[in-house]
Amino acid sequence: MTDKQKDFLRYAVIEQLKYADIETKLGIKREIFTPWWDEFKAEREYLARIRRKWKDKCPEIDFNDFKDWFEKTEKKCHYCDITEHEIEKLWLKYPNLTKRNRGKSLEIERKKPNKPYNITENLVFSCYWCNNAKTDTFTELEFKKIGNSIKKIWKARLNDNG
């Protein structure tokens, strides 16, 4: 992928500029970069997923700093160790795990809830259930103990063939 194509994805997906503005910023005709939308679908969807999480919780962090944190952080719950893949398996097995529109992917949680979301060292991935149960009441270390109990339940459900 060329630098112009990377810039196109940044303008189109992250900054969500209009094509007229992208044309000006890139200094190339729209006909040249319009096919890139389909050509780089996988990259575009990947960036869009990161952007949604960034915008939802951490817009005050520079996007590139957030993306670095997102890519370097293991995709499992900080408290119960459930992975995104295991969450998918649970949803297939138990389609009504929650009545809300949450729980199908890991969420961004603050280890210290009194600190803002703009400190990446304070951010972790958490499953919906741990994030929801921890609230602002428990410390990170206290909830790790609770997370271990939740972990045992998830493992039992994942291993249950019934």
C-alpha atoms as a PDB file:
ATOM      1  CA  MET A   1       0.000   0.000   0.000  1.00  0.00           C
ATOM      2  CA  THR A   2       1.374   3.397  -0.970  1.00  0.00           C
ATOM      3  CA  ASP A   3       1.550   6.432   1.296  1.00  0.00           C
ATOM      4  CA  LYS A   4      -1.255   8.075  -0.737  1.00  0.00           C
ATOM      5  CA  GLN A   5      -3.446   5.014  -0.183  1.00  0.00           C
ATOM      6  CA  LYS A   6      -2.725   5.096   3.566  1.00  0.00           C
ATOM      7  CA  ASP A   7      -3.572   8.797   3.587  1.00  0.00           C
ATOM      8  CA  PHE A   8      -6.801   8.052   1.723  1.00  0.00           C
ATOM      9  CA  LEU A   9      -7.839   5.529   4.376  1.00  0.00           C
ATOM     10  CA  ARG A  10      -6.999   7.972   7.157  1.00  0.00           C
ATOM     11  CA  TYR A  11      -9.000  10.764   5.535  1.00  0.00           C
ATOM     12  CA  ALA A  12     -11.938   8.563   4.552  1.00  0.00           C
ATOM     13  CA  VAL A  13     -12.234   6.304   7.596  1.00  0.00           C
ATOM     14  CA  ILE A  14     -10.675   8.062  10.562  1.00  0.00           C
ATOM     15  CA  GLU A  15     -11.271  11.713   9.716  1.00  0.00           C
ATOM     16  CA  GLN A  16     -14.386  10.899   7.632  1.00  0.00           C
ATOM     17  CA  LEU A  17     -13.754  13.637   5.109  1.00  0.00           C
ATOM     18  CA  LYS A  18     -15.860  14.088   1.985  1.00  0.00           C
ATOM     19  CA  TYR A  19     -14.338  12.956  -1.289  1.00  0.00           C
ATOM     20  CA  ALA A  20     -14.003  16.573  -2.490  1.00  0.00           C
ATOM     21  CA  ASP A  21     -11.861  17.337   0.562  1.00  0.00           C
ATOM     22  CA  ILE A  22      -9.855  14.130   0.135  1.00  0.00           C
ATOM     23  CA  GLU A  23      -9.218  15.047  -3.487  1.00  0.00           C
ATOM     24  CA  THR A  24      -7.785  18.399  -2.377  1.00  0.00           C
ATOM     25  CA  LYS A  25      -5.686  16.927   0.439  1.00  0.00           C
ATOM     26  CA  LEU A  26      -4.271  14.099  -1.689  1.00  0.00           C
ATOM     27  CA  GLY A  27      -3.756  16.310  -4.738  1.00  0.00           C
ATOM     28  CA  ILE A  28      -5.089  13.597  -7.051  1.00  0.00           C
ATOM     29  CA  LYS A  29      -8.319  13.155  -8.983  1.00  0.00           C
ATOM     30  CA  ARG A  30     -11.221  11.360  -7.358  1.00  0.00           C
ATOM     31  CA  GLU A  31     -11.302   8.778 -10.180  1.00  0.00           C
ATOM     32  CA  ILE A  32      -7.912   7.540  -9.028  1.00  0.00           C
ATOM     33  CA  PHE A  33      -8.769   6.995  -5.363  1.00  0.00           C
ATOM     34  CA  THR A  34     -12.466   6.027  -5.582  1.00  0.00           C
ATOM     35  CA  PRO A  35     -11.633   2.364  -6.400  1.00  0.00           C
ATOM     36  CA  TRP A  36      -9.479   2.199  -3.265  1.00  0.00           C
ATOM     37  CA  TRP A  37     -12.654   2.147  -1.143  1.00  0.00           C
ATOM     38  CA  ASP A  38     -13.444  -1.373  -2.352  1.00  0.00           C
ATOM     39  CA  GLU A  39      -9.850  -2.436  -2.936  1.00  0.00           C
ATOM     40  CA  PHE A  40      -8.907  -1.857   0.709  1.00  0.00           C
ATOM     41  CA  LYS A  41     -12.134  -3.121   2.270  1.00  0.00           C
ATOM     42  CA  ALA A  42     -10.409  -5.293   4.895  1.00  0.00           C
ATOM     43  CA  GLU A  43      -8.090  -2.475   5.986  1.00  0.00           C
ATOM     44  CA  ARG A  44     -11.000  -0.008   5.964  1.00  0.00           C
ATOM     45  CA  GLU A  45     -13.178  -2.267   8.155  1.00  0.00           C
ATOM     46  CA  TYR A  46     -10.282  -2.862  10.551  1.00  0.00           C
ATOM     47  CA  LEU A  47      -9.655   0.880  10.928  1.00  0.00           C
ATOM     48  CA  ALA A  48     -13.387   1.542  11.274  1.00  0.00           C
ATOM     49  CA  ARG A  49     -13.614  -0.925  14.166  1.00  0.00           C
ATOM     50  CA  ILE A  50     -10.737   0.769  15.983  1.00  0.00           C
ATOM     51  CA  ARG A  51     -12.214   4.193  15.223  1.00  0.00           C
ATOM     52  CA  ARG A  52     -15.598   3.233  16.736  1.00  0.00           C
ATOM     53  CA  LYS A  53     -13.962   2.119  19.992  1.00  0.00           C
ATOM     54  CA  TRP A  54     -11.745   5.213  20.016  1.00  0.00           C
ATOM     55  CA  LYS A  55     -14.623   7.633  19.390  1.00  0.00           C
ATOM     56  CA  ASP A  56     -16.860   5.879  21.906  1.00  0.00           C
ATOM     57  CA  LYS A  57     -14.454   5.966  24.849  1.00  0.00           C
ATOM     58  CA  CYS A  58     -11.214   7.811  24.143  1.00  0.00           C
ATOM     59  CA  PRO A  59     -11.593  10.643  21.616  1.00  0.00           C
ATOM     60  CA  GLU A  60      -9.295  12.875  23.648  1.00  0.00           C
ATOM     61  CA  ILE A  61      -6.393  10.496  22.925  1.00  0.00           C
ATOM     62  CA  ASP A  62      -4.600  10.943  19.618  1.00  0.00           C
ATOM     63  CA  PHE A  63      -5.970   8.282  17.249  1.00  0.00           C
ATOM     64  CA  ASN A  64      -2.515   6.878  16.456  1.00  0.00           C
ATOM     65  CA  ASP A  65      -1.678   6.529  20.156  1.00  0.00           C
ATOM     66  CA  PHE A  66      -4.985   4.757  20.716  1.00  0.00           C
ATOM     67  CA  LYS A  67      -4.418   2.504  17.693  1.00  0.00           C
ATOM     68  CA  ASP A  68      -0.967   1.560  19.027  1.00  0.00           C
ATOM     69  CA  TRP A  69      -2.483   0.696  22.417  1.00  0.00           C
ATOM     70  CA  PHE A  70      -5.316  -1.232  20.743  1.00  0.00           C
ATOM     71  CA  GLU A  71      -2.966  -3.271  18.569  1.00  0.00           C
ATOM     72  CA  LYS A  72      -0.460  -4.042  21.322  1.00  0.00           C
ATOM     73  CA  THR A  73      -2.992  -5.005  23.996  1.00  0.00           C
ATOM     74  CA  GLU A  74      -3.991  -8.649  24.134  1.00  0.00           C
ATOM     75  CA  LYS A  75      -7.645  -9.113  23.163  1.00  0.00           C
ATOM     76  CA  LYS A  76      -8.874 -10.761  26.329  1.00  0.00           C
ATOM     77  CA  CYS A  77     -10.680  -9.582  29.417  1.00  0.00           C
ATOM     78  CA  HIS A  78      -8.251  -8.144  31.925  1.00  0.00           C
ATOM     79  CA  TYR A  79     -10.250  -9.714  34.770  1.00  0.00           C
ATOM     80  CA  CYS A  80     -11.581 -13.112  33.650  1.00  0.00           C
ATOM     81  CA  ASP A  81      -9.261 -13.771  30.668  1.00  0.00           C
ATOM     82  CA  ILE A  82     -12.069 -14.553  28.220  1.00  0.00           C
ATOM     83  CA  THR A  83     -10.989 -13.869  24.626  1.00  0.00           C
ATOM     84  CA  GLU A  84     -13.059 -12.366  21.828  1.00  0.00           C
ATOM     85  CA  HIS A  85     -13.063 -15.768  20.134  1.00  0.00           C
ATOM     86  CA  GLU A  86     -14.447 -17.400  23.286  1.00  0.00           C
ATOM     87  CA  ILE A  87     -17.110 -14.691  23.565  1.00  0.00           C
ATOM     88  CA  GLU A  88     -18.206 -15.528  20.006  1.00  0.00           C
ATOM     89  CA  LYS A  89     -18.440 -19.208  20.952  1.00  0.00           C
ATOM     90  CA  LEU A  90     -20.531 -18.379  24.026  1.00  0.00           C
ATOM     91  CA  TRP A  91     -22.947 -16.296  21.974  1.00  0.00           C
ATOM     92  CA  LEU A  92     -23.376 -19.173  19.518  1.00  0.00           C
ATOM     93  CA  LYS A  93     -24.065 -21.540  22.376  1.00  0.00           C
ATOM     94  CA  TYR A  94     -26.189 -19.140  24.440  1.00  0.00           C
ATOM     95  CA  PRO A  95     -27.817 -16.628  22.057  1.00  0.00           C
ATOM     96  CA  ASN A  96     -29.492 -14.666  24.868  1.00  0.00           C
ATOM     97  CA  LEU A  97     -26.514 -13.962  27.112  1.00  0.00           C
ATOM     98  CA  THR A  98     -27.709 -10.389  27.632  1.00  0.00           C
ATOM     99  CA  LYS A  99     -30.880  -8.485  26.887  1.00  0.00           C
ATOM    100  CA  ARG A 100     -28.813  -5.454  25.971  1.00  0.00           C
ATOM    101  CA  ASN A 101     -26.977  -4.624  22.811  1.00  0.00           C
ATOM    102  CA  ARG A 102     -23.647  -5.277  24.531  1.00  0.00           C
ATOM    103  CA  GLY A 103     -21.512  -8.287  25.245  1.00  0.00           C
ATOM    104  CA  LYS A 104     -20.537  -9.497  21.789  1.00  0.00           C
ATOM    105  CA  SER A 105     -17.099  -7.927  21.924  1.00  0.00           C
ATOM    106  CA  LEU A 106     -14.604  -6.691  24.464  1.00  0.00           C
ATOM    107  CA  GLU A 107     -15.104  -3.244  25.900  1.00  0.00           C
ATOM    108  CA  ILE A 108     -12.618  -0.633  27.019  1.00  0.00           C
ATOM    109  CA  GLU A 109     -12.468  -0.249  30.761  1.00  0.00           C
ATOM    110  CA  ARG A 110     -10.478   1.900  33.171  1.00  0.00           C
ATOM    111  CA  LYS A 111      -8.497   0.090  35.838  1.00  0.00           C
ATOM    112  CA  LYS A 112      -8.831   3.163  38.046  1.00  0.00           C
ATOM    113  CA  PRO A 113     -12.298   4.580  37.402  1.00  0.00           C
ATOM    114  CA  ASN A 114     -11.470   7.986  38.891  1.00  0.00           C
ATOM    115  CA  LYS A 115      -8.856   8.518  36.165  1.00  0.00           C
ATOM    116  CA  PRO A 116      -9.978   9.592  32.677  1.00  0.00           C
ATOM    117  CA  TYR A 117      -9.980   7.529  29.502  1.00  0.00           C
ATOM    118  CA  ASN A 118      -7.165   9.624  28.027  1.00  0.00           C
ATOM    119  CA  ILE A 119      -4.408   7.712  29.856  1.00  0.00           C
ATOM    120  CA  THR A 120      -3.648   4.558  27.879  1.00  0.00           C
ATOM    121  CA  GLU A 121      -1.822   2.991  30.854  1.00  0.00           C
ATOM    122  CA  ASN A 122      -5.171   3.018  32.674  1.00  0.00           C
ATOM    123  CA  LEU A 123      -7.042   1.261  29.858  1.00  0.00           C
ATOM    124  CA  VAL A 124      -7.714  -2.464  29.582  1.00  0.00           C
ATOM    125  CA  PHE A 125     -10.039  -4.698  27.631  1.00  0.00           C
ATOM    126  CA  SER A 126     -12.891  -6.092  29.664  1.00  0.00           C
ATOM    127  CA  CYS A 127     -15.794  -8.348  28.797  1.00  0.00           C
ATOM    128  CA  TYR A 128     -19.231  -6.848  29.219  1.00  0.00           C
ATOM    129  CA  TRP A 129     -19.947  -8.895  32.337  1.00  0.00           C
ATOM    130  CA  CYS A 130     -16.781  -7.918  34.205  1.00  0.00           C
ATOM    131  CA  ASN A 131     -17.060  -4.295  33.109  1.00  0.00           C
ATOM    132  CA  ASN A 132     -20.689  -4.161  34.178  1.00  0.00           C
ATOM    133  CA  ALA A 133     -20.046  -5.854  37.539  1.00  0.00           C
ATOM    134  CA  LYS A 134     -16.868  -3.951  38.455  1.00  0.00           C
ATOM    135  CA  THR A 135     -18.568  -0.567  38.167  1.00  0.00           C
ATOM    136  CA  ASP A 136     -16.607   2.125  40.006  1.00  0.00           C
ATOM    137  CA  THR A 137     -16.812   0.195  43.267  1.00  0.00           C
ATOM    138  CA  PHE A 138     -13.963  -2.314  43.073  1.00  0.00           C
ATOM    139  CA  THR A 139     -10.284  -1.726  42.618  1.00  0.00           C
ATOM    140  CA  GLU A 140      -8.483  -3.525  39.827  1.00  0.00           C
ATOM    141  CA  LEU A 141      -6.916  -6.006  42.286  1.00  0.00           C
ATOM    142  CA  GLU A 142     -10.193  -6.655  44.099  1.00  0.00           C
ATOM    143  CA  PHE A 143     -11.994  -7.358  40.880  1.00  0.00           C
ATOM    144  CA  LYS A 144      -9.242  -9.667  39.611  1.00  0.00           C
ATOM    145  CA  LYS A 145     -10.344 -12.051  42.407  1.00  0.00           C
ATOM    146  CA  ILE A 146     -13.953 -11.845  41.251  1.00  0.00           C
ATOM    147  CA  GLY A 147     -12.763 -12.245  37.661  1.00  0.00           C
ATOM    148  CA  ASN A 148     -11.166 -15.569  38.558  1.00  0.00           C
ATOM    149  CA  SER A 149     -14.571 -16.888  39.645  1.00  0.00           C
ATOM    150  CA  ILE A 150     -16.180 -15.614  36.458  1.00  0.00           C
ATOM    151  CA  LYS A 151     -13.364 -17.271  34.482  1.00  0.00           C
ATOM    152  CA  LYS A 152     -14.261 -20.669  35.988  1.00  0.00           C
ATOM    153  CA  ILE A 153     -17.893 -20.245  34.959  1.00  0.00           C
ATOM    154  CA  TRP A 154     -16.971 -19.273  31.385  1.00  0.00           C
ATOM    155  CA  LYS A 155     -14.573 -22.210  31.050  1.00  0.00           C
ATOM    156  CA  ALA A 156     -17.256 -24.605  32.318  1.00  0.00           C
ATOM    157  CA  ARG A 157     -19.801 -23.227  29.866  1.00  0.00           C
ATOM    158  CA  LEU A 158     -17.349 -23.351  26.985  1.00  0.00           C
ATOM    159  CA  ASN A 159     -16.448 -26.970  27.806  1.00  0.00           C
ATOM    160  CA  ASP A 160     -20.061 -28.044  28.340  1.00  0.00           C
ATOM    161  CA  ASN A 161     -21.151 -30.119  25.373  1.00  0.00           C
ATOM    162  CA  GLY A 162     -24.816 -29.887  26.288  1.00  0.00           C
END
